[in-house]
Structures are given as C-alpha cells and as structure tokens.
C-alpha cells in the first residue's frame, strides 16, 4: 500500500511539473475593442476582445487594473467589472468587460485627435491582474511601463 501511494504521488508530481512548465507558454495573441458605450464626457463602458493561447490549466483572471501612458503622461485607466475564465489547452477569444476613465487634464477631443495618427511605439501601459488557477493557486501579476507594441511579448503568466 505504501508503494502504491508513493507511485501515485510521484505520478502527480510529474503531471503537475509538466503543467507548470506550460504556464510560462500562456500568451496574448490578439486584442481589439469589441464595443464601447460613453459614460458622460470622461468615461466608457468598454469590452475588449482578447485572444489567448493557453496550453496549460484553466484559470480565471479578475481585478484587472491598467493605466495607459503616452510619452509618460497618463491618458486614462481601465478596471474590469467581471472575471474571465480561460479554458485549458485552447486558443480562444474572450471578452474582458470593464470601465475606462480619462485622466485629469485629458479631454475626449484630445484622445480622439491622438487616435487619428495612432503609433503604438509612443504608448506604454502599467497593469496588475489577479489570476486564480483552477483547483489551487493564486497570483497577482504586476508590470510597469510596458511599451504597448511589446505587450504581446510581455503578457505571459
């Protein structure tokens, strides 16, 4: 019986270690604005469509907070309103719902003018997100001043 228990524990450790190595391979494949609804002159209810390549276990992302910068000046913030559960061993798209607010001193008209000649290299993002892995662990990811054009390389768990 002791031998059987040791074999089971060994097999579980091997399975967990192979799953853990795949966690490093999770990455964002695409993103787009799916929909938005203006809230006054300074905010938006926003839905982002995110493509995720997840070769590992199921996990849930919640409490996402992000701040967008252009040349070091804050343009606005984004906070999620609902958690998103990412399917295991799948490449899929998910809707991330949240609220965006313009920073003080930034007008809607100035943001619209920036969108006219949008260059991702001029922008950076700071973010934090809590992640709960199915059946266990929890981690909070934090990154500061990630260039927007490098976001797909940086958003890895």
C-alpha atoms as a PDB file:
ATOM      1  CA  UNK A   1       0.000   0.000   0.000  1.00  0.00           C
ATOM      2  CA  UNK A   2       2.857   2.412   0.835  1.00  0.00           C
ATOM      3  CA  UNK A   3       4.449   1.649  -2.518  1.00  0.00           C
ATOM      4  CA  UNK A   4       1.168   2.392  -4.320  1.00  0.00           C
ATOM      5  CA  UNK A   5       0.828   5.748  -2.519  1.00  0.00           C
ATOM      6  CA  UNK A   6       4.407   6.682  -3.450  1.00  0.00           C
ATOM      7  CA  UNK A   7       3.778   5.836  -7.098  1.00  0.00           C
ATOM      8  CA  UNK A   8       0.586   7.939  -7.129  1.00  0.00           C
ATOM      9  CA  UNK A   9       2.399  10.876  -5.511  1.00  0.00           C
ATOM     10  CA  UNK A  10       5.256  10.555  -7.994  1.00  0.00           C
ATOM     11  CA  UNK A  11       2.834  10.486 -10.952  1.00  0.00           C
ATOM     12  CA  UNK A  12       1.025  13.566  -9.596  1.00  0.00           C
ATOM     13  CA  UNK A  13       4.307  15.434  -9.219  1.00  0.00           C
ATOM     14  CA  UNK A  14       5.297  14.585 -12.802  1.00  0.00           C
ATOM     15  CA  UNK A  15       1.890  15.717 -14.113  1.00  0.00           C
ATOM     16  CA  UNK A  16       1.999  18.956 -12.118  1.00  0.00           C
ATOM     17  CA  UNK A  17       5.537  19.772 -13.190  1.00  0.00           C
ATOM     18  CA  UNK A  18       4.640  19.353 -16.872  1.00  0.00           C
ATOM     19  CA  UNK A  19       1.571  21.606 -16.402  1.00  0.00           C
ATOM     20  CA  UNK A  20       3.659  24.204 -14.579  1.00  0.00           C
ATOM     21  CA  UNK A  21       6.169  24.363 -17.409  1.00  0.00           C
ATOM     22  CA  UNK A  22       3.327  25.094 -19.840  1.00  0.00           C
ATOM     23  CA  UNK A  23       2.133  28.011 -17.673  1.00  0.00           C
ATOM     24  CA  UNK A  24       5.109  30.018 -18.973  1.00  0.00           C
ATOM     25  CA  UNK A  25       3.817  29.474 -22.527  1.00  0.00           C
ATOM     26  CA  UNK A  26       0.435  31.224 -21.981  1.00  0.00           C
ATOM     27  CA  UNK A  27       0.298  34.409 -24.026  1.00  0.00           C
ATOM     28  CA  UNK A  28      -1.950  37.027 -25.536  1.00  0.00           C
ATOM     29  CA  UNK A  29      -2.360  36.519 -29.291  1.00  0.00           C
ATOM     30  CA  UNK A  30      -4.635  39.439 -30.206  1.00  0.00           C
ATOM     31  CA  UNK A  31      -6.754  42.231 -28.844  1.00  0.00           C
ATOM     32  CA  UNK A  32      -9.411  44.603 -30.133  1.00  0.00           C
ATOM     33  CA  UNK A  33     -12.131  46.882 -28.853  1.00  0.00           C
ATOM     34  CA  UNK A  34     -15.323  44.824 -29.179  1.00  0.00           C
ATOM     35  CA  UNK A  35     -17.727  47.535 -28.035  1.00  0.00           C
ATOM     36  CA  UNK A  36     -17.936  50.723 -26.021  1.00  0.00           C
ATOM     37  CA  UNK A  37     -20.603  52.968 -24.561  1.00  0.00           C
ATOM     38  CA  UNK A  38     -19.791  56.537 -23.494  1.00  0.00           C
ATOM     39  CA  UNK A  39     -20.437  57.348 -19.845  1.00  0.00           C
ATOM     40  CA  UNK A  40     -20.533  61.131 -19.593  1.00  0.00           C
ATOM     41  CA  UNK A  41     -17.591  63.036 -21.059  1.00  0.00           C
ATOM     42  CA  UNK A  42     -14.848  61.210 -19.145  1.00  0.00           C
ATOM     43  CA  UNK A  43     -15.666  57.527 -19.237  1.00  0.00           C
ATOM     44  CA  UNK A  44     -16.552  54.463 -21.253  1.00  0.00           C
ATOM     45  CA  UNK A  45     -18.058  51.097 -20.547  1.00  0.00           C
ATOM     46  CA  UNK A  46     -15.681  49.023 -22.608  1.00  0.00           C
ATOM     47  CA  UNK A  47     -15.496  45.428 -23.821  1.00  0.00           C
ATOM     48  CA  UNK A  48     -12.109  44.222 -25.069  1.00  0.00           C
ATOM     49  CA  UNK A  49     -11.804  41.065 -27.160  1.00  0.00           C
ATOM     50  CA  UNK A  50      -8.643  39.186 -26.168  1.00  0.00           C
ATOM     51  CA  UNK A  51      -7.146  36.210 -27.967  1.00  0.00           C
ATOM     52  CA  UNK A  52      -5.368  33.837 -25.571  1.00  0.00           C
ATOM     53  CA  UNK A  53      -3.177  30.828 -26.330  1.00  0.00           C
ATOM     54  CA  UNK A  54      -3.382  28.656 -23.218  1.00  0.00           C
ATOM     55  CA  UNK A  55      -1.538  25.304 -23.416  1.00  0.00           C
ATOM     56  CA  UNK A  56      -1.896  24.861 -19.628  1.00  0.00           C
ATOM     57  CA  UNK A  57      -4.614  24.553 -16.983  1.00  0.00           C
ATOM     58  CA  UNK A  58      -7.850  26.541 -16.723  1.00  0.00           C
ATOM     59  CA  UNK A  59      -7.502  29.856 -14.895  1.00  0.00           C
ATOM     60  CA  UNK A  60      -9.603  32.902 -14.041  1.00  0.00           C
ATOM     61  CA  UNK A  61      -8.428  36.499 -14.399  1.00  0.00           C
ATOM     62  CA  UNK A  62     -10.015  39.140 -12.180  1.00  0.00           C
ATOM     63  CA  UNK A  63      -9.340  42.549 -10.616  1.00  0.00           C
ATOM     64  CA  UNK A  64      -7.516  43.824 -13.704  1.00  0.00           C
ATOM     65  CA  UNK A  65      -6.375  47.437 -13.419  1.00  0.00           C
ATOM     66  CA  UNK A  66      -4.447  49.175 -16.182  1.00  0.00           C
ATOM     67  CA  UNK A  67      -3.210  52.687 -16.924  1.00  0.00           C
ATOM     68  CA  UNK A  68      -2.310  53.912 -20.413  1.00  0.00           C
ATOM     69  CA  UNK A  69       0.507  56.421 -20.935  1.00  0.00           C
ATOM     70  CA  UNK A  70       1.727  58.425 -23.925  1.00  0.00           C
ATOM     71  CA  UNK A  71       5.298  59.721 -23.563  1.00  0.00           C
ATOM     72  CA  UNK A  72       4.999  59.176 -19.794  1.00  0.00           C
ATOM     73  CA  UNK A  73       1.755  61.161 -19.368  1.00  0.00           C
ATOM     74  CA  UNK A  74      -1.284  59.250 -18.100  1.00  0.00           C
ATOM     75  CA  UNK A  75      -4.191  59.213 -20.540  1.00  0.00           C
ATOM     76  CA  UNK A  76      -6.595  57.055 -18.552  1.00  0.00           C
ATOM     77  CA  UNK A  77      -7.339  53.941 -16.554  1.00  0.00           C
ATOM     78  CA  UNK A  78      -9.225  50.685 -17.103  1.00  0.00           C
ATOM     79  CA  UNK A  79     -10.759  48.456 -14.411  1.00  0.00           C
ATOM     80  CA  UNK A  80     -12.548  45.163 -15.071  1.00  0.00           C
ATOM     81  CA  UNK A  81     -16.138  44.661 -13.961  1.00  0.00           C
ATOM     82  CA  UNK A  82     -16.301  40.855 -14.401  1.00  0.00           C
ATOM     83  CA  UNK A  83     -13.828  37.972 -14.119  1.00  0.00           C
ATOM     84  CA  UNK A  84     -12.844  35.978 -17.223  1.00  0.00           C
ATOM     85  CA  UNK A  85     -12.238  32.227 -17.143  1.00  0.00           C
ATOM     86  CA  UNK A  86      -9.749  30.940 -19.729  1.00  0.00           C
ATOM     87  CA  UNK A  87     -10.259  27.386 -20.998  1.00  0.00           C
ATOM     88  CA  UNK A  88      -7.449  24.827 -20.607  1.00  0.00           C
ATOM     89  CA  UNK A  89      -5.336  23.727 -23.579  1.00  0.00           C
ATOM     90  CA  UNK A  90      -7.067  26.034 -26.060  1.00  0.00           C
ATOM     91  CA  UNK A  91      -6.569  29.037 -28.297  1.00  0.00           C
ATOM     92  CA  UNK A  92      -9.700  31.162 -27.923  1.00  0.00           C
ATOM     93  CA  UNK A  93     -11.068  34.690 -27.682  1.00  0.00           C
ATOM     94  CA  UNK A  94     -12.562  36.142 -24.512  1.00  0.00           C
ATOM     95  CA  UNK A  95     -14.477  39.311 -23.697  1.00  0.00           C
ATOM     96  CA  UNK A  96     -12.952  41.441 -20.954  1.00  0.00           C
ATOM     97  CA  UNK A  97     -15.577  43.868 -19.634  1.00  0.00           C
ATOM     98  CA  UNK A  98     -14.638  46.992 -17.754  1.00  0.00           C
ATOM     99  CA  UNK A  99     -14.778  50.722 -17.294  1.00  0.00           C
ATOM    100  CA  UNK A 100     -12.319  53.234 -18.695  1.00  0.00           C
ATOM    101  CA  UNK A 101     -11.838  56.771 -17.359  1.00  0.00           C
ATOM    102  CA  UNK A 102      -9.816  59.629 -18.764  1.00  0.00           C
ATOM    103  CA  UNK A 103      -7.130  61.062 -16.503  1.00  0.00           C
ATOM    104  CA  UNK A 104      -7.444  64.604 -15.157  1.00  0.00           C
ATOM    105  CA  UNK A 105      -6.319  67.133 -17.738  1.00  0.00           C
ATOM    106  CA  UNK A 106      -7.097  64.806 -20.667  1.00  0.00           C
ATOM    107  CA  UNK A 107     -10.117  65.607 -22.816  1.00  0.00           C
ATOM    108  CA  UNK A 108     -12.109  63.306 -25.033  1.00  0.00           C
ATOM    109  CA  UNK A 109     -11.242  65.516 -28.006  1.00  0.00           C
ATOM    110  CA  UNK A 110      -7.506  65.207 -27.359  1.00  0.00           C
ATOM    111  CA  UNK A 111      -7.793  61.405 -27.212  1.00  0.00           C
ATOM    112  CA  UNK A 112      -9.749  61.359 -30.480  1.00  0.00           C
ATOM    113  CA  UNK A 113      -7.016  63.501 -32.068  1.00  0.00           C
ATOM    114  CA  UNK A 114      -4.355  61.020 -30.865  1.00  0.00           C
ATOM    115  CA  UNK A 115      -6.283  58.137 -32.424  1.00  0.00           C
ATOM    116  CA  UNK A 116      -6.062  59.821 -35.820  1.00  0.00           C
ATOM    117  CA  UNK A 117      -2.293  59.140 -36.038  1.00  0.00           C
ATOM    118  CA  UNK A 118      -2.030  56.242 -33.597  1.00  0.00           C
ATOM    119  CA  UNK A 119       1.506  54.855 -33.214  1.00  0.00           C
ATOM    120  CA  UNK A 120       1.820  52.041 -30.643  1.00  0.00           C
ATOM    121  CA  UNK A 121       5.510  52.834 -30.060  1.00  0.00           C
ATOM    122  CA  UNK A 122       4.501  56.130 -28.370  1.00  0.00           C
ATOM    123  CA  UNK A 123       2.389  54.399 -25.704  1.00  0.00           C
ATOM    124  CA  UNK A 124       3.048  52.292 -22.645  1.00  0.00           C
ATOM    125  CA  UNK A 125       0.857  50.518 -20.131  1.00  0.00           C
ATOM    126  CA  UNK A 126       1.119  49.620 -16.462  1.00  0.00           C
ATOM    127  CA  UNK A 127      -1.151  46.879 -15.204  1.00  0.00           C
ATOM    128  CA  UNK A 128      -1.983  44.466 -12.430  1.00  0.00           C
ATOM    129  CA  UNK A 129      -4.206  41.392 -12.635  1.00  0.00           C
ATOM    130  CA  UNK A 130      -5.109  38.639 -10.217  1.00  0.00           C
ATOM    131  CA  UNK A 131      -5.078  35.095 -11.561  1.00  0.00           C
ATOM    132  CA  UNK A 132      -6.559  32.033  -9.898  1.00  0.00           C
ATOM    133  CA  UNK A 133      -5.583  28.637 -11.293  1.00  0.00           C
ATOM    134  CA  UNK A 134      -8.308  26.021 -11.235  1.00  0.00           C
ATOM    135  CA  UNK A 135      -8.063  23.904  -8.124  1.00  0.00           C
ATOM    136  CA  UNK A 136      -5.479  25.990  -6.372  1.00  0.00           C
ATOM    137  CA  UNK A 137      -3.001  28.795  -6.553  1.00  0.00           C
ATOM    138  CA  UNK A 138      -3.487  32.496  -6.840  1.00  0.00           C
ATOM    139  CA  UNK A 139      -1.036  35.107  -8.087  1.00  0.00           C
ATOM    140  CA  UNK A 140      -1.158  38.833  -8.791  1.00  0.00           C
ATOM    141  CA  UNK A 141       0.766  39.946 -11.867  1.00  0.00           C
ATOM    142  CA  UNK A 142       2.166  43.489 -11.974  1.00  0.00           C
ATOM    143  CA  UNK A 143       4.066  45.231 -14.759  1.00  0.00           C
ATOM    144  CA  UNK A 144       5.004  48.892 -15.118  1.00  0.00           C
ATOM    145  CA  UNK A 145       5.695  50.938 -18.236  1.00  0.00           C
ATOM    146  CA  UNK A 146       5.414  48.116 -20.771  1.00  0.00           C
ATOM    147  CA  UNK A 147       5.639  49.568 -24.302  1.00  0.00           C
ATOM    148  CA  UNK A 148       2.313  48.906 -25.993  1.00  0.00           C
ATOM    149  CA  UNK A 149       3.983  47.412 -29.056  1.00  0.00           C
ATOM    150  CA  UNK A 150       5.694  44.839 -26.786  1.00  0.00           C
ATOM    151  CA  UNK A 151       2.566  43.970 -24.849  1.00  0.00           C
ATOM    152  CA  UNK A 152       2.063  40.624 -26.582  1.00  0.00           C
ATOM    153  CA  UNK A 153       5.578  39.567 -25.595  1.00  0.00           C
ATOM    154  CA  UNK A 154       5.190  40.801 -22.008  1.00  0.00           C
ATOM    155  CA  UNK A 155       1.749  39.418 -21.154  1.00  0.00           C
ATOM    156  CA  UNK A 156       2.806  35.975 -20.041  1.00  0.00           C
ATOM    157  CA  UNK A 157       1.918  34.207 -16.858  1.00  0.00           C
END
